Amino acid sequence: MPKFSANLSFLYQDLPFLDRFAAAARDGFGALEYLGPYTEPKEKVADALKASGLKQAVFNVPSGDWAGGERGIACLPDRVQEFRDGVLLALDYAKALDCSRVNVISGLVPKGADLDILENTLVENLKHAALRCADAGVKLLIEPINLRDIPGFLLSTTGHAERILEKVGSDNFYIQYDFYHMQIMQGDLIPTFNRLKDKIAHVQIADNPGRSEPGTGEINYDFILLELDRLGYDGWVGCEYKPKAGTREGLGWMKPYLR
């Protein structure tokens, strides 16, 4: 049976951040994830996590000024030291939260930028991060994101992610596979997952169109979740969607899997 992680950057938005932990536990989630925990001291986050009884599935390495429109800095040549400092901060939080995975958001392509320079910067940063993460016993992930939600994002397909993995050349570097993003960009969801499953360390779900809960759109998640089981995926399934009503009101899709 699949096991579900609540993405608190999307779910329980009516509650303060740390109060969302207990709400997710009450509703049957087994783990948590989010863009990042950095607005709270790691000790407070760890206390809330322990009180909830949940696991920490994954979170992102610091990704620049998210509220100001930045979507990662890993590909930006003038932000290399900031990215690498962010890796150390992420690993500090990962140790406090007993989290075995951190994800990198690649970044937007600046107007007029040289794509080769951006990709080379990304690769060198990821080589550095993969070594740091390996030393800490943490897996490093990277996520392709669709160009409808984030126009200009550098990394938008699994094919590109595979090329980055090959260039980085680390056995501690994986893909975060979001079925919603990949439905928009390329489809062929389960065959692609099956082909790449040894390189995938976390999956996320939302329906399309609208990025709402499973059952509200075109993606057959009953089939997908059964296939993940059949194909031997035993990791967390991250619920990174925008509830159409409240979070709890929209959890009917998940109840059959909690029995």
C-alpha atoms as a PDB file:
ATOM      1  CA  MET A   1       0.000   0.000   0.000  1.00  0.00           C
ATOM      2  CA  PRO A   2       1.255   3.520  -0.710  1.00  0.00           C
ATOM      3  CA  LYS A   3       2.285   5.702   2.194  1.00  0.00           C
ATOM      4  CA  PHE A   4       1.541   9.403   2.006  1.00  0.00           C
ATOM      5  CA  SER A   5       3.502  12.526   2.899  1.00  0.00           C
ATOM      6  CA  ALA A   6       1.645  15.820   3.389  1.00  0.00           C
ATOM      7  CA  ASN A   7       3.239  18.758   1.610  1.00  0.00           C
ATOM      8  CA  LEU A   8       2.673  21.553   4.104  1.00  0.00           C
ATOM      9  CA  SER A   9       3.484  24.277   1.582  1.00  0.00           C
ATOM     10  CA  PHE A  10       0.200  23.330  -0.116  1.00  0.00           C
ATOM     11  CA  LEU A  11      -1.975  21.623   2.508  1.00  0.00           C
ATOM     12  CA  TYR A  12      -3.484  23.053   5.731  1.00  0.00           C
ATOM     13  CA  GLN A  13      -2.939  26.630   4.620  1.00  0.00           C
ATOM     14  CA  ASP A  14      -5.484  27.855   7.189  1.00  0.00           C
ATOM     15  CA  LEU A  15      -3.087  26.910  10.004  1.00  0.00           C
ATOM     16  CA  PRO A  16       0.269  28.312  11.167  1.00  0.00           C
ATOM     17  CA  PHE A  17       3.146  26.287   9.778  1.00  0.00           C
ATOM     18  CA  LEU A  18       4.039  24.286  12.880  1.00  0.00           C
ATOM     19  CA  ASP A  19       0.373  23.577  13.676  1.00  0.00           C
ATOM     20  CA  ARG A  20       0.060  21.801  10.336  1.00  0.00           C
ATOM     21  CA  PHE A  21       2.205  18.921  11.619  1.00  0.00           C
ATOM     22  CA  ALA A  22      -0.400  17.683  14.112  1.00  0.00           C
ATOM     23  CA  ALA A  23      -3.232  18.248  11.618  1.00  0.00           C
ATOM     24  CA  ALA A  24      -1.502  16.018   9.060  1.00  0.00           C
ATOM     25  CA  ALA A  25      -1.007  13.296  11.677  1.00  0.00           C
ATOM     26  CA  ARG A  26      -4.694  13.400  12.662  1.00  0.00           C
ATOM     27  CA  ASP A  27      -5.719  12.939   9.035  1.00  0.00           C
ATOM     28  CA  GLY A  28      -3.631   9.818   8.484  1.00  0.00           C
ATOM     29  CA  PHE A  29      -0.468  11.050   6.792  1.00  0.00           C
ATOM     30  CA  GLY A  30       2.731   9.281   7.753  1.00  0.00           C
ATOM     31  CA  ALA A  31       5.266  11.940   6.812  1.00  0.00           C
ATOM     32  CA  LEU A  32       5.763  15.609   5.999  1.00  0.00           C
ATOM     33  CA  GLU A  33       7.458  17.663   3.321  1.00  0.00           C
ATOM     34  CA  TYR A  34       7.523  21.331   2.305  1.00  0.00           C
ATOM     35  CA  LEU A  35       9.546  23.853   0.339  1.00  0.00           C
ATOM     36  CA  GLY A  36      11.752  24.510   3.331  1.00  0.00           C
ATOM     37  CA  PRO A  37      11.711  24.800   7.139  1.00  0.00           C
ATOM     38  CA  TYR A  38      14.130  27.705   7.344  1.00  0.00           C
ATOM     39  CA  THR A  39      11.785  30.375   8.707  1.00  0.00           C
ATOM     40  CA  GLU A  40      11.666  28.438  11.996  1.00  0.00           C
ATOM     41  CA  PRO A  41      14.575  27.376  14.225  1.00  0.00           C
ATOM     42  CA  LYS A  42      15.480  23.761  13.601  1.00  0.00           C
ATOM     43  CA  GLU A  43      14.826  22.919  17.258  1.00  0.00           C
ATOM     44  CA  LYS A  44      11.206  24.108  17.050  1.00  0.00           C
ATOM     45  CA  VAL A  45      10.634  22.195  13.818  1.00  0.00           C
ATOM     46  CA  ALA A  46      12.155  19.066  15.337  1.00  0.00           C
ATOM     47  CA  ASP A  47       9.937  19.386  18.418  1.00  0.00           C
ATOM     48  CA  ALA A  48       6.792  19.754  16.297  1.00  0.00           C
ATOM     49  CA  LEU A  49       7.815  16.788  14.163  1.00  0.00           C
ATOM     50  CA  LYS A  50       8.474  14.604  17.201  1.00  0.00           C
ATOM     51  CA  ALA A  51       5.169  15.598  18.806  1.00  0.00           C
ATOM     52  CA  SER A  52       3.297  14.700  15.622  1.00  0.00           C
ATOM     53  CA  GLY A  53       4.839  11.241  15.400  1.00  0.00           C
ATOM     54  CA  LEU A  54       5.472  11.757  11.678  1.00  0.00           C
ATOM     55  CA  LYS A  55       8.592  11.265   9.561  1.00  0.00           C
ATOM     56  CA  GLN A  56      10.343  13.992   7.577  1.00  0.00           C
ATOM     57  CA  ALA A  57      10.275  12.802   3.971  1.00  0.00           C
ATOM     58  CA  VAL A  58      12.100  15.571   2.096  1.00  0.00           C
ATOM     59  CA  PHE A  59      12.509  19.325   1.803  1.00  0.00           C
ATOM     60  CA  ASN A  60      14.300  21.675  -0.564  1.00  0.00           C
ATOM     61  CA  VAL A  61      17.732  23.195  -0.311  1.00  0.00           C
ATOM     62  CA  PRO A  62      17.297  27.002   0.095  1.00  0.00           C
ATOM     63  CA  SER A  63      16.026  28.298  -3.252  1.00  0.00           C
ATOM     64  CA  GLY A  64      16.562  32.050  -3.155  1.00  0.00           C
ATOM     65  CA  ASP A  65      13.838  34.645  -2.656  1.00  0.00           C
ATOM     66  CA  TRP A  66      10.784  32.467  -3.332  1.00  0.00           C
ATOM     67  CA  ALA A  67       8.293  35.161  -2.331  1.00  0.00           C
ATOM     68  CA  GLY A  68      10.073  37.557  -4.681  1.00  0.00           C
ATOM     69  CA  GLY A  69       9.738  35.192  -7.635  1.00  0.00           C
ATOM     70  CA  GLU A  70      13.007  33.282  -7.578  1.00  0.00           C
ATOM     71  CA  ARG A  71      12.710  29.550  -8.225  1.00  0.00           C
ATOM     72  CA  GLY A  72      16.067  28.192  -7.230  1.00  0.00           C
ATOM     73  CA  ILE A  73      19.621  29.482  -7.598  1.00  0.00           C
ATOM     74  CA  ALA A  74      21.609  26.327  -8.387  1.00  0.00           C
ATOM     75  CA  CYS A  75      22.177  27.277 -12.044  1.00  0.00           C
ATOM     76  CA  LEU A  76      23.137  30.918 -11.462  1.00  0.00           C
ATOM     77  CA  PRO A  77      26.875  31.640 -11.812  1.00  0.00           C
ATOM     78  CA  ASP A  78      26.766  34.655  -9.492  1.00  0.00           C
ATOM     79  CA  ARG A  79      25.055  32.704  -6.677  1.00  0.00           C
ATOM     80  CA  VAL A  80      27.404  29.723  -6.312  1.00  0.00           C
ATOM     81  CA  GLN A  81      28.577  30.453  -2.783  1.00  0.00           C
ATOM     82  CA  GLU A  82      25.037  31.203  -1.662  1.00  0.00           C
ATOM     83  CA  PHE A  83      23.886  27.854  -3.045  1.00  0.00           C
ATOM     84  CA  ARG A  84      26.715  25.962  -1.363  1.00  0.00           C
ATOM     85  CA  ASP A  85      26.079  27.695   1.951  1.00  0.00           C
ATOM     86  CA  GLY A  86      22.436  26.678   1.522  1.00  0.00           C
ATOM     87  CA  VAL A  87      23.436  23.043   1.135  1.00  0.00           C
ATOM     88  CA  LEU A  88      25.175  23.188   4.508  1.00  0.00           C
ATOM     89  CA  LEU A  89      22.101  24.791   6.073  1.00  0.00           C
ATOM     90  CA  ALA A  90      19.847  22.120   4.551  1.00  0.00           C
ATOM     91  CA  LEU A  91      22.063  19.373   5.942  1.00  0.00           C
ATOM     92  CA  ASP A  92      22.009  20.999   9.361  1.00  0.00           C
ATOM     93  CA  TYR A  93      18.209  20.875   9.340  1.00  0.00           C
ATOM     94  CA  ALA A  94      18.218  17.370   7.852  1.00  0.00           C
ATOM     95  CA  LYS A  95      20.288  16.120  10.776  1.00  0.00           C
ATOM     96  CA  ALA A  96      17.951  17.738  13.294  1.00  0.00           C
ATOM     97  CA  LEU A  97      14.874  16.289  11.545  1.00  0.00           C
ATOM     98  CA  ASP A  98      16.368  12.871  10.740  1.00  0.00           C
ATOM     99  CA  CYS A  99      15.606  13.526   7.080  1.00  0.00           C
ATOM    100  CA  SER A 100      17.338  11.351   4.492  1.00  0.00           C
ATOM    101  CA  ARG A 101      16.554  13.419   1.358  1.00  0.00           C
ATOM    102  CA  VAL A 102      16.955  17.008   0.199  1.00  0.00           C
ATOM    103  CA  ASN A 103      15.846  18.355  -3.172  1.00  0.00           C
ATOM    104  CA  VAL A 104      17.420  21.031  -5.370  1.00  0.00           C
ATOM    105  CA  ILE A 105      15.317  23.523  -7.352  1.00  0.00           C
ATOM    106  CA  SER A 106      17.446  24.364 -10.393  1.00  0.00           C
ATOM    107  CA  GLY A 107      16.372  27.942 -11.145  1.00  0.00           C
ATOM    108  CA  LEU A 108      15.029  30.181 -13.899  1.00  0.00           C
ATOM    109  CA  VAL A 109      16.886  31.045 -17.082  1.00  0.00           C
ATOM    110  CA  PRO A 110      17.750  34.781 -16.947  1.00  0.00           C
ATOM    111  CA  LYS A 111      16.987  36.758 -20.072  1.00  0.00           C
ATOM    112  CA  GLY A 112      19.864  36.516 -22.536  1.00  0.00           C
ATOM    113  CA  ALA A 113      21.797  33.987 -20.443  1.00  0.00           C
ATOM    114  CA  ASP A 114      24.071  31.396 -22.002  1.00  0.00           C
ATOM    115  CA  LEU A 115      22.418  28.003 -21.418  1.00  0.00           C
ATOM    116  CA  ASP A 116      25.733  26.158 -21.467  1.00  0.00           C
ATOM    117  CA  ILE A 117      27.069  28.342 -18.662  1.00  0.00           C
ATOM    118  CA  LEU A 118      23.899  27.817 -16.612  1.00  0.00           C
ATOM    119  CA  GLU A 119      24.032  24.054 -17.064  1.00  0.00           C
ATOM    120  CA  ASN A 120      27.729  23.865 -16.269  1.00  0.00           C
ATOM    121  CA  THR A 121      27.122  25.886 -13.100  1.00  0.00           C
ATOM    122  CA  LEU A 122      24.266  23.579 -12.124  1.00  0.00           C
ATOM    123  CA  VAL A 123      26.375  20.473 -12.708  1.00  0.00           C
ATOM    124  CA  GLU A 124      29.338  21.760 -10.683  1.00  0.00           C
ATOM    125  CA  ASN A 125      27.045  22.816  -7.834  1.00  0.00           C
ATOM    126  CA  LEU A 126      25.377  19.410  -7.847  1.00  0.00           C
ATOM    127  CA  LYS A 127      28.725  17.594  -7.818  1.00  0.00           C
ATOM    128  CA  HIS A 128      29.637  19.608  -4.735  1.00  0.00           C
ATOM    129  CA  ALA A 129      26.251  19.036  -3.106  1.00  0.00           C
ATOM    130  CA  ALA A 130      26.214  15.300  -3.830  1.00  0.00           C
ATOM    131  CA  LEU A 131      29.540  14.866  -2.035  1.00  0.00           C
ATOM    132  CA  ARG A 132      28.421  16.934   0.940  1.00  0.00           C
ATOM    133  CA  CYS A 133      25.160  15.017   1.150  1.00  0.00           C
ATOM    134  CA  ALA A 134      26.895  11.644   0.858  1.00  0.00           C
ATOM    135  CA  ASP A 135      29.169  12.545   3.755  1.00  0.00           C
ATOM    136  CA  ALA A 136      26.029  13.324   5.804  1.00  0.00           C
ATOM    137  CA  GLY A 137      24.154  10.173   4.748  1.00  0.00           C
ATOM    138  CA  VAL A 138      21.536  12.193   2.851  1.00  0.00           C
ATOM    139  CA  LYS A 139      20.358  11.592  -0.722  1.00  0.00           C
ATOM    140  CA  LEU A 140      20.462  14.543  -3.113  1.00  0.00           C
ATOM    141  CA  LEU A 141      17.516  14.951  -5.492  1.00  0.00           C
ATOM    142  CA  ILE A 142      16.676  17.195  -8.420  1.00  0.00           C
ATOM    143  CA  GLU A 143      13.194  17.873  -9.792  1.00  0.00           C
ATOM    144  CA  PRO A 144      11.981  18.551 -13.335  1.00  0.00           C
ATOM    145  CA  ILE A 145       9.170  21.158 -13.185  1.00  0.00           C
ATOM    146  CA  ASN A 146       6.654  22.019 -15.886  1.00  0.00           C
ATOM    147  CA  LEU A 147       6.983  25.210 -17.920  1.00  0.00           C
ATOM    148  CA  ARG A 148       3.316  26.161 -17.622  1.00  0.00           C
ATOM    149  CA  ASP A 149       3.509  26.754 -13.880  1.00  0.00           C
ATOM    150  CA  ILE A 150       7.073  28.072 -13.943  1.00  0.00           C
ATOM    151  CA  PRO A 151       7.871  29.583 -17.364  1.00  0.00           C
ATOM    152  CA  GLY A 152      11.595  29.739 -18.012  1.00  0.00           C
ATOM    153  CA  PHE A 153      12.535  26.991 -15.570  1.00  0.00           C
ATOM    154  CA  LEU A 154      15.826  25.402 -16.594  1.00  0.00           C
ATOM    155  CA  LEU A 155      14.967  21.738 -15.966  1.00  0.00           C
ATOM    156  CA  SER A 156      11.568  20.589 -17.225  1.00  0.00           C
ATOM    157  CA  THR A 157      11.794  16.970 -18.476  1.00  0.00           C
ATOM    158  CA  THR A 158      13.067  13.628 -17.257  1.00  0.00           C
ATOM    159  CA  GLY A 159      15.286  13.447 -20.326  1.00  0.00           C
ATOM    160  CA  HIS A 160      17.109  16.598 -19.267  1.00  0.00           C
ATOM    161  CA  ALA A 161      17.305  15.307 -15.681  1.00  0.00           C
ATOM    162  CA  GLU A 162      18.936  12.102 -16.954  1.00  0.00           C
ATOM    163  CA  ARG A 163      21.572  14.126 -18.797  1.00  0.00           C
ATOM    164  CA  ILE A 164      22.290  16.115 -15.633  1.00  0.00           C
ATOM    165  CA  LEU A 165      22.596  12.895 -13.620  1.00  0.00           C
ATOM    166  CA  GLU A 166      25.084  11.556 -16.148  1.00  0.00           C
ATOM    167  CA  LYS A 167      27.177  14.738 -16.092  1.00  0.00           C
ATOM    168  CA  VAL A 168      27.233  14.853 -12.292  1.00  0.00           C
ATOM    169  CA  GLY A 169      28.239  11.183 -12.172  1.00  0.00           C
ATOM    170  CA  SER A 170      27.406  10.571  -8.521  1.00  0.00           C
ATOM    171  CA  ASP A 171      25.759   7.487  -7.036  1.00  0.00           C
ATOM    172  CA  ASN A 172      24.209   9.809  -4.427  1.00  0.00           C
ATOM    173  CA  PHE A 173      22.119  11.815  -6.892  1.00  0.00           C
ATOM    174  CA  TYR A 174      18.502  11.067  -7.827  1.00  0.00           C
ATOM    175  CA  ILE A 175      15.326  12.378  -9.458  1.00  0.00           C
ATOM    176  CA  GLN A 176      12.275  13.655  -7.632  1.00  0.00           C
ATOM    177  CA  TYR A 177       9.450  12.543  -9.945  1.00  0.00           C
ATOM    178  CA  ASP A 178       6.292  14.638  -9.797  1.00  0.00           C
ATOM    179  CA  PHE A 179       3.486  12.993 -11.772  1.00  0.00           C
ATOM    180  CA  TYR A 180       1.667  16.316 -12.181  1.00  0.00           C
ATOM    181  CA  HIS A 181       4.633  18.125 -13.708  1.00  0.00           C
ATOM    182  CA  MET A 182       5.454  15.198 -15.968  1.00  0.00           C
ATOM    183  CA  GLN A 183       1.860  14.788 -17.168  1.00  0.00           C
ATOM    184  CA  ILE A 184       1.994  18.362 -18.450  1.00  0.00           C
ATOM    185  CA  MET A 185       5.448  18.095 -20.017  1.00  0.00           C
ATOM    186  CA  GLN A 186       5.592  14.594 -21.462  1.00  0.00           C
ATOM    187  CA  GLY A 187       2.910  12.133 -20.316  1.00  0.00           C
ATOM    188  CA  ASP A 188       3.712   8.400 -20.509  1.00  0.00           C
ATOM    189  CA  LEU A 189       3.834   8.482 -16.729  1.00  0.00           C
ATOM    190  CA  ILE A 190       4.207   4.871 -15.623  1.00  0.00           C
ATOM    191  CA  PRO A 191       6.473   3.668 -18.471  1.00  0.00           C
ATOM    192  CA  THR A 192       8.788   6.590 -17.706  1.00  0.00           C
ATOM    193  CA  PHE A 193       8.694   5.874 -13.978  1.00  0.00           C
ATOM    194  CA  ASN A 194       9.397   2.195 -14.584  1.00  0.00           C
ATOM    195  CA  ARG A 195      12.371   2.978 -16.819  1.00  0.00           C
ATOM    196  CA  LEU A 196      13.846   5.393 -14.280  1.00  0.00           C
ATOM    197  CA  LYS A 197      12.729   3.801 -11.022  1.00  0.00           C
ATOM    198  CA  ASP A 198      16.258   3.022  -9.850  1.00  0.00           C
ATOM    199  CA  LYS A 199      17.084   6.729 -10.223  1.00  0.00           C
ATOM    200  CA  ILE A 200      13.906   8.016  -8.525  1.00  0.00           C
ATOM    201  CA  ALA A 201      14.100   8.631  -4.772  1.00  0.00           C
ATOM    202  CA  HIS A 202      10.794  10.462  -4.174  1.00  0.00           C
ATOM    203  CA  VAL A 203       7.499  10.941  -5.990  1.00  0.00           C
ATOM    204  CA  GLN A 204       4.819  13.615  -5.739  1.00  0.00           C
ATOM    205  CA  ILE A 205       1.234  13.755  -6.933  1.00  0.00           C
ATOM    206  CA  ALA A 206      -1.456  16.256  -7.943  1.00  0.00           C
ATOM    207  CA  ASP A 207      -4.145  16.066 -10.601  1.00  0.00           C
ATOM    208  CA  ASN A 208      -4.241  17.956 -13.873  1.00  0.00           C
ATOM    209  CA  PRO A 209      -5.586  20.463 -14.791  1.00  0.00           C
ATOM    210  CA  GLY A 210      -5.669  22.623 -11.696  1.00  0.00           C
ATOM    211  CA  ARG A 211      -3.053  20.908  -9.507  1.00  0.00           C
ATOM    212  CA  SER A 212      -5.778  19.771  -7.104  1.00  0.00           C
ATOM    213  CA  GLU A 213      -6.265  16.483  -5.264  1.00  0.00           C
ATOM    214  CA  PRO A 214      -6.377  13.123  -7.056  1.00  0.00           C
ATOM    215  CA  GLY A 215      -9.753  12.444  -8.615  1.00  0.00           C
ATOM    216  CA  THR A 216     -10.367  16.017  -9.757  1.00  0.00           C
ATOM    217  CA  GLY A 217      -8.761  15.748 -13.181  1.00  0.00           C
ATOM    218  CA  GLU A 218      -7.434  13.507 -15.916  1.00  0.00           C
ATOM    219  CA  ILE A 219      -4.752  11.449 -14.156  1.00  0.00           C
ATOM    220  CA  ASN A 220      -5.822   7.942 -13.098  1.00  0.00           C
ATOM    221  CA  TYR A 221      -4.243   7.817  -9.666  1.00  0.00           C
ATOM    222  CA  ASP A 222      -5.938   4.557  -8.697  1.00  0.00           C
ATOM    223  CA  PHE A 223      -3.922   2.979 -11.501  1.00  0.00           C
ATOM    224  CA  ILE A 224      -0.741   4.903 -10.725  1.00  0.00           C
ATOM    225  CA  LEU A 225      -0.698   4.082  -7.015  1.00  0.00           C
ATOM    226  CA  LEU A 226      -1.323   0.393  -7.704  1.00  0.00           C
ATOM    227  CA  GLU A 227       1.478   0.432 -10.259  1.00  0.00           C
ATOM    228  CA  LEU A 228       3.884   2.054  -7.802  1.00  0.00           C
ATOM    229  CA  ASP A 229       3.213  -0.848  -5.450  1.00  0.00           C
ATOM    230  CA  ARG A 230       3.557  -3.429  -8.222  1.00  0.00           C
ATOM    231  CA  LEU A 231       6.839  -1.914  -9.387  1.00  0.00           C
ATOM    232  CA  GLY A 232       8.280  -2.036  -5.877  1.00  0.00           C
ATOM    233  CA  TYR A 233       8.325   1.644  -4.977  1.00  0.00           C
ATOM    234  CA  ASP A 234       8.394   1.751  -1.170  1.00  0.00           C
ATOM    235  CA  GLY A 235       9.098   5.452  -0.622  1.00  0.00           C
ATOM    236  CA  TRP A 236       6.761   8.247   0.370  1.00  0.00           C
ATOM    237  CA  VAL A 237       4.146   9.627  -2.023  1.00  0.00           C
ATOM    238  CA  GLY A 238       4.214  13.395  -1.572  1.00  0.00           C
ATOM    239  CA  CYS A 239       0.803  15.069  -1.743  1.00  0.00           C
ATOM    240  CA  GLU A 240       1.762  18.395  -3.287  1.00  0.00           C
ATOM    241  CA  TYR A 241      -1.593  19.728  -4.441  1.00  0.00           C
ATOM    242  CA  LYS A 242      -3.986  22.643  -3.947  1.00  0.00           C
ATOM    243  CA  PRO A 243      -7.172  21.415  -2.244  1.00  0.00           C
ATOM    244  CA  LYS A 244     -10.337  22.510  -4.019  1.00  0.00           C
ATOM    245  CA  ALA A 245     -12.004  23.131  -0.641  1.00  0.00           C
ATOM    246  CA  GLY A 246     -10.253  22.580   2.693  1.00  0.00           C
ATOM    247  CA  THR A 247      -7.498  20.005   3.050  1.00  0.00           C
ATOM    248  CA  ARG A 248      -9.515  17.662   5.281  1.00  0.00           C
ATOM    249  CA  GLU A 249     -12.638  18.030   3.131  1.00  0.00           C
ATOM    250  CA  GLY A 250     -10.687  16.867   0.097  1.00  0.00           C
ATOM    251  CA  LEU A 251      -9.084  13.740   1.577  1.00  0.00           C
ATOM    252  CA  GLY A 252     -11.770  11.290   0.510  1.00  0.00           C
ATOM    253  CA  TRP A 253      -9.512  10.007  -2.276  1.00  0.00           C
ATOM    254  CA  MET A 254      -6.943   8.853   0.295  1.00  0.00           C
ATOM    255  CA  LYS A 255      -9.204   7.000   2.739  1.00  0.00           C
ATOM    256  CA  PRO A 256      -9.305   3.662   0.877  1.00  0.00           C
ATOM    257  CA  TYR A 257      -5.512   3.491   1.043  1.00  0.00           C
ATOM    258  CA  LEU A 258      -5.443   4.053   4.818  1.00  0.00           C
ATOM    259  CA  ARG A 259      -7.516   0.980   5.693  1.00  0.00           C
END
